[in-house]
Amino acid sequence: MTGPAPARLPRVVVAAPGTGAGKTTVATGLMAALTRAGHEVSGHKVGPDYIDPGYHALACGRPGRNLDPHLVGEDLLAPLLLHGARGADVAVIEGVMGLYDGRVGTAGFASTAHVAGLTRSPIVLVVDISRSSRSIGAVVHGMATYDPAVRVAGVILNKAGSPRHAREVVDSIVPTGVPVLGTIGRDQAVEAPSRHLGLVPAAERGLAAESLDRLAAQVAEHVDLDAVLALARSAPDLDATAWEPTDHVHPPVGATGRPVVAMAGGRSFTFRYAETEELLRAGGCEVVTFDPAGDAALPPGTRGLYLGGGFPEVHAAALGANAALRTEIATAVAAGVPTVAECAGLLYLCQSLDGAPMVGALPAVASMTERLTLAYPEVTAVSDSLLTRAGERVTGHEFHRTQVEPVAGPAPAWSGEGHTVGFTSASLHAAYLHVHWAGHPQLAQRFVDAVHRG
């Protein structure tokens, strides 16, 4: 038996010594600059983040993708990369946190370095030099030699104060043997603004496209794009086959037609993995996006609801004002229309959110909190439900500044670290936990089966 034929994909990982160095700005700028230079670029993000892939999609003109071994397993990283980059000339993979920072207590599992190793990708290190000069040489040396299996192949200097400052830094890096690919000066106008959960989604930035044009021009002027492409092309072939959603989810035997799954979108619901919709389509469903803040009704023929993540707390007034749609969704959930609600979807199904009326399908109220919940757990399904079977283990992530009271219903969704959370039934699964269905396709299949039965 022979393995898959080697797959050719030029690729590069954009990493940094730590958070705040400008990874997203530089990675997105590289994607935009290369795209404007005539290349087909595929953007990817290490980790579970939804916001950065929104910028990547804007820069590349194709869906942003995530690469996270915690969510999908190590074996799927290369196949998902090849799937997402299908037809692209080059893939740019933005890292997460510092190069070697991974899931706490796991010796760097799911770190940027881990993903770079799994995908055999060269690394371009973005270094913020605004507060250092010759010390940057030591930082680069340490990053490049800390793990012999990690290939730091180039450096981009960010936030240079002056040409003289930049020259001092470059001179300090020369002894490391790592080439400097470019130097970018300070320009606050092209930095993405922050929000209480991180960056503001691209969909919410009216000037995002204009800012992106400026960023692309700046990167093209100050970074050697040909050198970046040469590094990307030096990546070895991958011994993997592109992931195919139809290999994992399929229509039920005897199914006819394509039932509609209404997928929440608009400004309030921007967080979902591209593979989720692809798996639903592979299962014979027609996915139609609707805006809970603006649409008067669900898409015609809706037989399933997918309410993903986002910022409903920011748009609570608009969501609450759309009484007709809230009533229709409450009626659908009560009637047993298969419904998945993750994080923002959970809040939307509550009675209220910070006092604004929500759908009211769950016996719970939601509110903002000062405490940030950031978790990367492995949990156990408590109940047989729309998506799960009791005792099933699933990986996922949480990232929010809200709370619901009570935290669980009579049939909770998940158990982990001594707590049970979420609300489930034979037709409902609502919880904070975000799950990447490519890593747990049985959940997608059960949802698809229920939608077809409905």
Protein backbone atom coordinates (compact mmCIF):
# COMPACT_ATOMS: atom_id res chain seq x y z
CA MET A 1 0.00 0.00 0.00
CA THR A 2 1.34 3.42 -0.94
CA GLY A 3 0.65 6.71 0.80
CA PRO A 4 -0.67 9.91 -0.74
CA ALA A 5 1.30 11.51 -3.53
CA PRO A 6 3.39 14.44 -2.23
CA ALA A 7 1.44 17.68 -2.43
CA ARG A 8 3.15 20.89 -3.49
CA LEU A 9 2.09 24.04 -1.63
CA PRO A 10 4.35 27.06 -1.14
CA ARG A 11 3.70 28.29 2.40
CA VAL A 12 5.07 30.40 5.21
CA VAL A 13 4.15 30.90 8.87
CA VAL A 14 4.14 34.44 10.28
CA ALA A 15 5.08 34.26 13.97
CA ALA A 16 6.36 36.55 16.74
CA PRO A 17 8.20 36.32 20.05
CA GLY A 18 5.03 37.38 21.85
CA THR A 19 1.57 38.90 21.55
CA GLY A 20 1.39 42.51 20.40
CA ALA A 21 4.30 42.44 17.96
CA GLY A 22 2.05 43.04 14.96
CA LYS A 23 1.53 39.50 13.62
CA THR A 24 -1.99 40.17 12.39
CA THR A 25 -1.07 43.48 10.78
CA VAL A 26 1.97 42.05 9.00
CA ALA A 27 0.39 38.71 8.06
CA THR A 28 -2.72 40.41 6.67
CA GLY A 29 -0.54 42.95 4.89
CA LEU A 30 1.49 40.17 3.30
CA MET A 31 -1.67 38.42 2.15
CA ALA A 32 -3.05 41.64 0.68
CA ALA A 33 0.22 42.66 -0.96
CA LEU A 34 0.77 39.26 -2.54
CA THR A 35 -2.84 39.17 -3.74
CA ARG A 36 -2.50 42.60 -5.30
CA ALA A 37 0.71 41.41 -6.96
CA GLY A 38 -1.33 38.82 -8.84
CA HIS A 39 -0.96 35.76 -6.61
CA GLU A 40 -3.79 33.55 -5.37
CA VAL A 41 -3.21 33.59 -1.62
CA SER A 42 -4.80 31.39 1.02
CA GLY A 43 -4.94 32.80 4.55
CA HIS A 44 -4.81 30.60 7.66
CA LYS A 45 -4.72 31.21 11.41
CA VAL A 46 -3.12 29.04 14.09
CA GLY A 47 -5.55 28.46 16.93
CA PRO A 48 -9.31 28.85 17.40
CA ASP A 49 -9.53 32.58 16.65
CA TYR A 50 -12.41 33.74 14.44
CA ILE A 51 -11.56 37.42 14.07
CA ASP A 52 -8.20 37.26 12.31
CA PRO A 53 -9.54 34.95 9.56
CA GLY A 54 -12.08 37.69 8.80
CA TYR A 55 -9.22 40.02 7.94
CA HIS A 56 -7.53 37.24 6.00
CA ALA A 57 -10.65 36.70 3.93
CA LEU A 58 -10.83 40.41 3.17
CA ALA A 59 -7.19 40.41 2.11
CA CYS A 60 -7.30 37.24 0.00
CA GLY A 61 -10.81 37.24 -1.40
CA ARG A 62 -11.40 33.68 -0.17
CA PRO A 63 -12.40 32.19 3.20
CA GLY A 64 -9.96 32.46 6.09
CA ARG A 65 -9.16 29.13 7.71
CA ASN A 66 -8.01 27.86 11.10
CA LEU A 67 -5.33 25.30 11.91
CA ASP A 68 -5.63 24.00 15.47
CA PRO A 69 -4.43 20.54 16.58
CA HIS A 70 -6.35 20.81 19.85
CA LEU A 71 -9.64 21.25 18.00
CA VAL A 72 -9.13 18.80 15.12
CA GLY A 73 -6.15 16.59 16.02
CA GLU A 74 -2.62 16.60 14.68
CA ASP A 75 -3.32 14.32 11.73
CA LEU A 76 -5.83 16.74 10.17
CA LEU A 77 -3.57 19.80 10.11
CA ALA A 78 -1.88 19.15 6.75
CA PRO A 79 -5.10 17.86 5.07
CA LEU A 80 -7.04 20.93 6.25
CA LEU A 81 -4.25 23.22 5.07
CA LEU A 82 -4.30 21.61 1.62
CA HIS A 83 -8.09 21.78 1.52
CA GLY A 84 -8.21 25.45 2.44
CA ALA A 85 -5.40 26.34 0.05
CA ARG A 86 -6.80 24.42 -2.89
CA GLY A 87 -6.03 26.39 -6.06
CA ALA A 88 -3.79 28.89 -4.28
CA ASP A 89 -0.26 29.86 -5.31
CA VAL A 90 0.86 30.37 -1.73
CA ALA A 91 -0.47 29.95 1.81
CA VAL A 92 0.26 32.47 4.56
CA ILE A 93 -0.32 31.09 8.05
CA GLU A 94 -0.61 33.59 10.89
CA GLY A 95 0.59 32.29 14.25
CA VAL A 96 -0.87 32.73 17.72
CA MET A 97 0.70 34.39 20.80
CA GLY A 98 4.46 33.81 21.01
CA LEU A 99 6.10 31.28 18.70
CA TYR A 100 6.43 28.58 21.37
CA ASP A 101 3.31 29.39 23.43
CA GLY A 102 0.71 26.61 23.35
CA ARG A 103 -1.97 25.08 25.50
CA VAL A 104 -0.93 25.55 29.13
CA GLY A 105 0.61 22.46 30.70
CA THR A 106 1.25 20.64 27.42
CA ALA A 107 4.84 21.67 26.58
CA GLY A 108 3.72 23.81 23.64
CA PHE A 109 0.96 21.68 22.14
CA ALA A 110 -1.05 23.73 19.57
CA SER A 111 1.60 26.47 19.53
CA THR A 112 2.69 28.18 16.34
CA ALA A 113 5.92 26.17 16.45
CA HIS A 114 3.90 22.95 16.78
CA VAL A 115 1.72 23.81 13.77
CA ALA A 116 4.75 24.89 11.74
CA GLY A 117 6.31 21.51 12.47
CA LEU A 118 3.17 19.56 11.59
CA THR A 119 2.87 21.43 8.29
CA ARG A 120 6.65 21.56 7.69
CA SER A 121 6.46 25.30 7.11
CA PRO A 122 9.28 27.90 7.28
CA ILE A 123 8.72 30.73 9.75
CA VAL A 124 8.99 34.49 9.27
CA LEU A 125 9.39 36.15 12.66
CA VAL A 126 7.77 39.56 13.19
CA VAL A 127 9.63 41.49 15.88
CA ASP A 128 8.45 44.74 17.49
CA ILE A 129 11.63 46.81 17.76
CA SER A 130 10.02 49.97 19.14
CA ARG A 131 11.59 49.55 22.60
CA SER A 132 14.88 47.80 21.80
CA SER A 133 17.82 47.90 19.45
CA ARG A 134 20.76 45.48 19.66
CA SER A 135 18.88 43.25 22.10
CA ILE A 136 16.72 42.20 19.16
CA GLY A 137 19.64 40.15 17.85
CA ALA A 138 19.58 38.09 21.03
CA VAL A 139 15.82 37.62 20.74
CA VAL A 140 16.11 36.39 17.16
CA HIS A 141 19.02 34.11 18.06
CA GLY A 142 17.03 32.57 20.90
CA MET A 143 13.91 32.07 18.82
CA ALA A 144 15.87 30.47 15.98
CA THR A 145 17.91 28.09 18.14
CA TYR A 146 15.50 27.19 20.96
CA ASP A 147 14.12 24.19 19.06
CA PRO A 148 16.33 22.71 16.30
CA ALA A 149 13.23 21.29 14.60
CA VAL A 150 11.80 24.79 14.07
CA ARG A 151 13.01 26.74 11.06
CA VAL A 152 13.02 30.50 11.57
CA ALA A 153 13.84 31.46 7.99
CA GLY A 154 13.43 35.24 8.03
CA VAL A 155 12.64 38.29 10.12
CA ILE A 156 10.43 41.33 9.54
CA LEU A 157 11.14 44.28 11.81
CA ASN A 158 8.03 46.16 12.90
CA LYS A 159 7.51 49.64 14.38
CA ALA A 160 10.95 51.02 13.58
CA GLY A 161 11.48 54.51 14.96
CA SER A 162 13.96 55.71 12.32
CA PRO A 163 16.32 54.39 9.63
CA ARG A 164 19.22 54.73 12.09
CA HIS A 165 17.34 52.67 14.68
CA ALA A 166 16.53 50.01 12.07
CA ARG A 167 20.17 49.76 10.94
CA GLU A 168 21.30 49.16 14.53
CA VAL A 169 18.79 46.33 14.85
CA VAL A 170 19.72 44.78 11.50
CA ASP A 171 23.40 44.81 12.45
CA SER A 172 22.57 42.90 15.63
CA ILE A 173 20.73 40.20 13.67
CA VAL A 174 23.43 39.60 11.03
CA PRO A 175 25.46 37.21 13.24
CA THR A 176 22.43 34.94 13.66
CA GLY A 177 22.35 34.17 9.94
CA VAL A 178 18.62 34.85 9.76
CA PRO A 179 17.88 37.26 6.89
CA VAL A 180 15.93 40.46 7.51
CA LEU A 181 13.16 40.57 4.92
CA GLY A 182 11.91 44.06 5.61
CA THR A 183 11.43 46.89 8.06
CA ILE A 184 8.10 48.59 8.71
CA GLY A 185 7.88 51.94 10.47
CA ARG A 186 5.25 53.06 12.95
CA ASP A 187 1.87 53.78 11.34
CA GLN A 188 -1.02 53.55 13.75
CA ALA A 189 -3.55 54.16 10.99
CA VAL A 190 -3.17 50.64 9.63
CA GLU A 191 -3.44 48.82 12.94
CA ALA A 192 -6.67 47.01 13.68
CA PRO A 193 -8.64 48.49 16.60
CA SER A 194 -9.31 46.34 19.64
CA ARG A 195 -12.58 45.21 21.18
CA HIS A 196 -13.32 43.60 24.53
CA LEU A 197 -12.58 40.18 23.02
CA GLY A 198 -9.69 41.26 20.84
CA LEU A 199 -9.71 42.71 17.34
CA VAL A 200 -12.83 44.18 15.79
CA PRO A 201 -14.20 41.83 13.11
CA ALA A 202 -13.52 42.95 9.56
CA ALA A 203 -17.27 42.90 8.88
CA GLU A 204 -17.72 45.70 11.44
CA ARG A 205 -15.04 48.02 10.10
CA GLY A 206 -16.44 50.37 7.48
CA LEU A 207 -12.95 51.51 6.47
CA ALA A 208 -11.45 48.02 6.52
CA ALA A 209 -10.95 47.84 2.75
CA GLU A 210 -9.36 51.30 2.61
CA SER A 211 -7.07 50.45 5.53
CA LEU A 212 -6.18 47.19 3.82
CA ASP A 213 -5.14 49.03 0.66
CA ARG A 214 -2.82 51.22 2.70
CA LEU A 215 -1.42 48.24 4.57
CA ALA A 216 -0.82 46.27 1.36
CA ALA A 217 1.01 49.23 -0.18
CA GLN A 218 3.11 49.68 2.94
CA VAL A 219 4.11 46.01 3.11
CA ALA A 220 4.86 45.90 -0.62
CA GLU A 221 7.13 48.93 -0.23
CA HIS A 222 9.01 47.83 2.88
CA VAL A 223 9.07 44.00 2.70
CA ASP A 224 10.88 41.96 0.06
CA LEU A 225 7.92 40.02 -1.32
CA ASP A 226 10.13 38.03 -3.69
CA ALA A 227 12.22 36.86 -0.72
CA VAL A 228 9.06 35.87 1.18
CA LEU A 229 7.85 33.91 -1.83
CA ALA A 230 11.25 32.22 -2.15
CA LEU A 231 11.00 31.08 1.46
CA ALA A 232 7.45 29.85 0.90
CA ARG A 233 8.58 27.88 -2.15
CA SER A 234 11.37 26.29 -0.13
CA ALA A 235 8.80 24.44 1.98
CA PRO A 236 8.95 20.68 1.30
CA ASP A 237 6.09 18.80 -0.30
CA LEU A 238 3.44 17.52 2.10
CA ASP A 239 2.77 13.81 2.39
CA ALA A 240 -0.96 14.34 2.83
CA THR A 241 -4.22 14.41 0.91
CA ALA A 242 -6.55 17.40 1.04
CA TRP A 243 -9.44 17.03 3.45
CA GLU A 244 -12.80 16.48 1.77
CA PRO A 245 -16.06 17.22 3.64
CA THR A 246 -17.87 14.56 1.60
CA ASP A 247 -15.57 11.92 3.10
CA HIS A 248 -16.94 12.68 6.57
CA VAL A 249 -20.59 13.72 6.27
CA HIS A 250 -23.21 12.54 3.80
CA PRO A 251 -26.97 12.76 3.28
CA PRO A 252 -28.97 10.05 5.05
CA VAL A 253 -29.76 6.99 2.95
CA GLY A 254 -32.87 7.67 0.90
CA ALA A 255 -32.81 11.42 1.53
CA THR A 256 -34.35 13.59 -1.16
CA GLY A 257 -34.12 17.33 -1.68
CA ARG A 258 -31.88 19.81 0.10
CA PRO A 259 -33.45 21.03 3.36
CA VAL A 260 -32.59 24.59 4.38
CA VAL A 261 -30.34 25.25 7.36
CA ALA A 262 -30.65 28.88 8.42
CA MET A 263 -27.21 30.08 9.57
CA ALA A 264 -27.07 33.25 11.65
CA GLY A 265 -24.87 35.98 10.16
CA GLY A 266 -24.78 39.75 9.94
CA ARG A 267 -22.75 41.88 12.33
CA SER A 268 -23.92 39.96 15.40
CA PHE A 269 -22.91 36.45 14.32
CA THR A 270 -19.57 36.50 12.53
CA PHE A 271 -17.82 33.56 14.24
CA ARG A 272 -17.93 30.18 12.53
CA TYR A 273 -15.47 27.89 10.83
CA ALA A 274 -15.65 27.66 7.04
CA GLU A 275 -15.67 23.87 7.28
CA THR A 276 -18.93 23.92 9.24
CA GLU A 277 -20.90 25.15 6.26
CA GLU A 278 -18.98 22.82 3.95
CA LEU A 279 -19.88 19.80 6.08
CA LEU A 280 -23.55 20.80 6.11
CA ARG A 281 -23.55 21.12 2.33
CA ALA A 282 -21.80 17.75 2.07
CA GLY A 283 -24.69 16.36 4.10
CA GLY A 284 -27.17 17.50 1.49
CA CYS A 285 -28.32 20.69 3.24
CA GLU A 286 -28.81 24.10 1.66
CA VAL A 287 -27.17 26.66 3.95
CA VAL A 288 -28.79 30.10 3.84
CA THR A 289 -27.39 32.97 5.92
CA PHE A 290 -29.78 35.34 7.68
CA ASP A 291 -29.27 38.42 9.85
CA PRO A 292 -31.01 38.16 13.25
CA ALA A 293 -30.73 41.92 13.71
CA GLY A 294 -32.24 42.94 10.40
CA ASP A 295 -34.21 40.17 8.68
CA ALA A 296 -37.94 40.05 9.33
CA ALA A 297 -38.21 36.27 8.97
CA LEU A 298 -36.23 33.07 8.67
CA PRO A 299 -35.32 31.88 5.16
CA PRO A 300 -38.24 30.11 3.45
CA GLY A 301 -38.34 26.41 4.13
CA THR A 302 -36.03 26.51 7.17
CA ARG A 303 -35.67 23.04 8.71
CA GLY A 304 -32.58 23.61 10.85
CA LEU A 305 -30.98 26.49 12.76
CA TYR A 306 -27.26 27.11 13.28
CA LEU A 307 -26.57 30.04 15.60
CA GLY A 308 -22.81 30.45 15.90
CA GLY A 309 -20.58 32.90 17.73
CA GLY A 310 -20.17 36.64 17.57
CA PHE A 311 -20.92 39.82 19.48
CA PRO A 312 -24.66 39.82 20.32
CA GLU A 313 -23.93 41.91 23.42
CA VAL A 314 -22.75 44.74 21.15
CA HIS A 315 -25.92 44.55 19.05
CA ALA A 316 -28.38 43.53 21.78
CA ALA A 317 -30.68 46.49 21.14
CA ALA A 318 -31.08 45.66 17.44
CA LEU A 319 -31.56 41.97 18.16
CA GLY A 320 -34.15 42.75 20.81
CA ALA A 321 -36.01 45.17 18.56
CA ASN A 322 -36.53 42.49 15.91
CA ALA A 323 -39.51 41.02 17.73
CA ALA A 324 -41.06 39.25 14.74
CA LEU A 325 -37.96 37.17 14.05
CA ARG A 326 -37.41 36.44 17.75
CA THR A 327 -40.95 35.09 17.97
CA GLU A 328 -40.53 32.97 14.85
CA ILE A 329 -37.30 31.44 16.16
CA ALA A 330 -38.83 30.75 19.57
CA THR A 331 -41.73 28.98 17.86
CA ALA A 332 -39.34 26.96 15.68
CA VAL A 333 -37.23 25.83 18.64
CA ALA A 334 -40.33 24.90 20.65
CA ALA A 335 -41.63 22.92 17.66
CA GLY A 336 -38.46 20.83 17.57
CA VAL A 337 -36.65 22.39 14.61
CA PRO A 338 -33.05 21.09 15.04
CA THR A 339 -31.07 23.95 16.57
CA VAL A 340 -27.38 24.37 17.37
CA ALA A 341 -26.35 27.44 19.39
CA GLU A 342 -22.71 28.16 20.27
CA CYS A 343 -21.74 31.02 22.59
CA ALA A 344 -23.47 34.00 20.93
CA GLY A 345 -26.21 31.63 19.84
CA LEU A 346 -26.67 30.53 23.44
CA LEU A 347 -27.04 34.17 24.55
CA TYR A 348 -29.52 34.85 21.75
CA LEU A 349 -31.76 31.97 22.83
CA CYS A 350 -31.91 33.25 26.43
CA GLN A 351 -34.79 35.26 27.87
CA SER A 352 -32.75 38.45 27.85
CA LEU A 353 -29.23 39.83 27.39
CA ASP A 354 -28.32 42.77 29.63
CA GLY A 355 -32.01 43.52 29.90
CA ALA A 356 -32.73 43.47 26.16
CA PRO A 357 -35.31 40.84 25.17
CA MET A 358 -33.91 37.83 23.32
CA VAL A 359 -35.61 34.78 21.78
CA GLY A 360 -36.70 33.29 25.11
CA ALA A 361 -36.28 29.66 24.06
CA LEU A 362 -34.11 28.88 27.11
CA PRO A 363 -35.03 29.37 30.79
CA ALA A 364 -31.96 31.56 31.38
CA VAL A 365 -30.85 35.18 31.34
CA ALA A 366 -27.52 36.47 30.01
CA SER A 367 -25.39 39.43 30.99
CA MET A 368 -21.98 40.99 30.43
CA THR A 369 -19.32 40.44 33.07
CA GLU A 370 -15.92 41.91 33.83
CA ARG A 371 -14.37 38.45 33.85
CA LEU A 372 -12.92 37.03 30.64
CA THR A 373 -13.57 33.33 30.23
CA LEU A 374 -10.81 31.83 28.12
CA ALA A 375 -10.65 28.04 28.03
CA TYR A 376 -9.28 25.31 25.79
CA PRO A 377 -10.89 22.25 27.33
CA GLU A 378 -11.65 18.65 26.62
CA VAL A 379 -15.17 17.97 27.84
CA THR A 380 -17.58 15.06 28.16
CA ALA A 381 -21.12 15.01 26.81
CA VAL A 382 -23.54 14.68 29.72
CA SER A 383 -26.66 13.79 27.79
CA ASP A 384 -27.86 12.13 24.65
CA SER A 385 -28.89 15.10 22.54
CA LEU A 386 -29.26 16.48 19.04
CA LEU A 387 -25.45 16.42 18.61
CA THR A 388 -23.97 14.15 21.25
CA ARG A 389 -24.15 10.83 23.00
CA ALA A 390 -23.55 10.66 26.75
CA GLY A 391 -19.93 9.97 27.59
CA GLU A 392 -18.56 11.26 24.28
CA ARG A 393 -15.33 13.28 24.59
CA VAL A 394 -14.97 16.50 22.59
CA THR A 395 -12.35 19.26 22.38
CA GLY A 396 -13.29 22.90 22.05
CA HIS A 397 -12.69 26.45 23.21
CA GLU A 398 -14.45 29.27 25.05
CA PHE A 399 -13.80 32.99 24.74
CA HIS A 400 -16.35 35.43 26.16
CA ARG A 401 -17.11 38.11 28.75
CA THR A 402 -20.68 37.07 29.46
CA GLN A 403 -22.51 34.69 31.76
CA VAL A 404 -25.84 32.90 31.75
CA GLU A 405 -27.95 32.07 34.79
CA PRO A 406 -28.61 29.24 35.39
CA VAL A 407 -25.51 27.77 33.75
CA ALA A 408 -27.24 24.51 32.79
CA GLY A 409 -30.66 23.07 32.13
CA PRO A 410 -32.17 19.73 33.18
CA ALA A 411 -30.17 17.98 30.42
CA PRO A 412 -26.77 19.74 30.40
CA ALA A 413 -24.52 19.73 27.35
CA TRP A 414 -21.02 19.29 28.74
CA SER A 415 -19.16 18.28 31.87
CA GLY A 416 -15.61 19.42 32.58
CA GLU A 417 -13.52 20.36 35.60
CA GLY A 418 -16.35 19.40 37.92
CA HIS A 419 -18.99 21.59 36.29
CA THR A 420 -21.94 20.87 34.02
CA VAL A 421 -23.07 23.52 31.56
CA GLY A 422 -25.39 24.09 28.64
CA PHE A 423 -28.85 23.11 27.52
CA THR A 424 -29.84 20.16 25.33
CA SER A 425 -32.73 18.07 24.09
CA ALA A 426 -33.37 15.71 21.20
CA SER A 427 -33.62 18.76 18.93
CA LEU A 428 -31.40 21.34 20.67
CA HIS A 429 -27.77 21.85 21.65
CA ALA A 430 -26.90 25.21 23.25
CA ALA A 431 -23.65 25.93 25.10
CA TYR A 432 -20.73 28.32 25.25
CA LEU A 433 -18.24 25.80 23.88
CA HIS A 434 -17.12 26.29 20.27
CA VAL A 435 -16.44 22.98 18.51
CA HIS A 436 -14.69 22.57 15.17
CA TRP A 437 -16.82 20.01 13.37
CA ALA A 438 -13.97 18.93 11.08
CA GLY A 439 -12.42 17.41 14.19
CA HIS A 440 -15.72 15.89 15.35
CA PRO A 441 -17.68 15.18 12.16
CA GLN A 442 -20.13 12.88 13.98
CA LEU A 443 -21.72 16.01 15.44
CA ALA A 444 -22.30 17.43 11.97
CA GLN A 445 -23.69 14.10 10.77
CA ARG A 446 -26.22 13.93 13.61
CA PHE A 447 -27.35 17.47 12.93
CA VAL A 448 -27.68 16.72 9.22
CA ASP A 449 -29.66 13.55 9.94
CA ALA A 450 -32.05 15.46 12.20
CA VAL A 451 -32.54 18.23 9.63
CA HIS A 452 -33.40 15.68 6.93
CA ARG A 453 -35.84 13.90 9.27
CA GLY A 454 -37.56 17.19 10.06
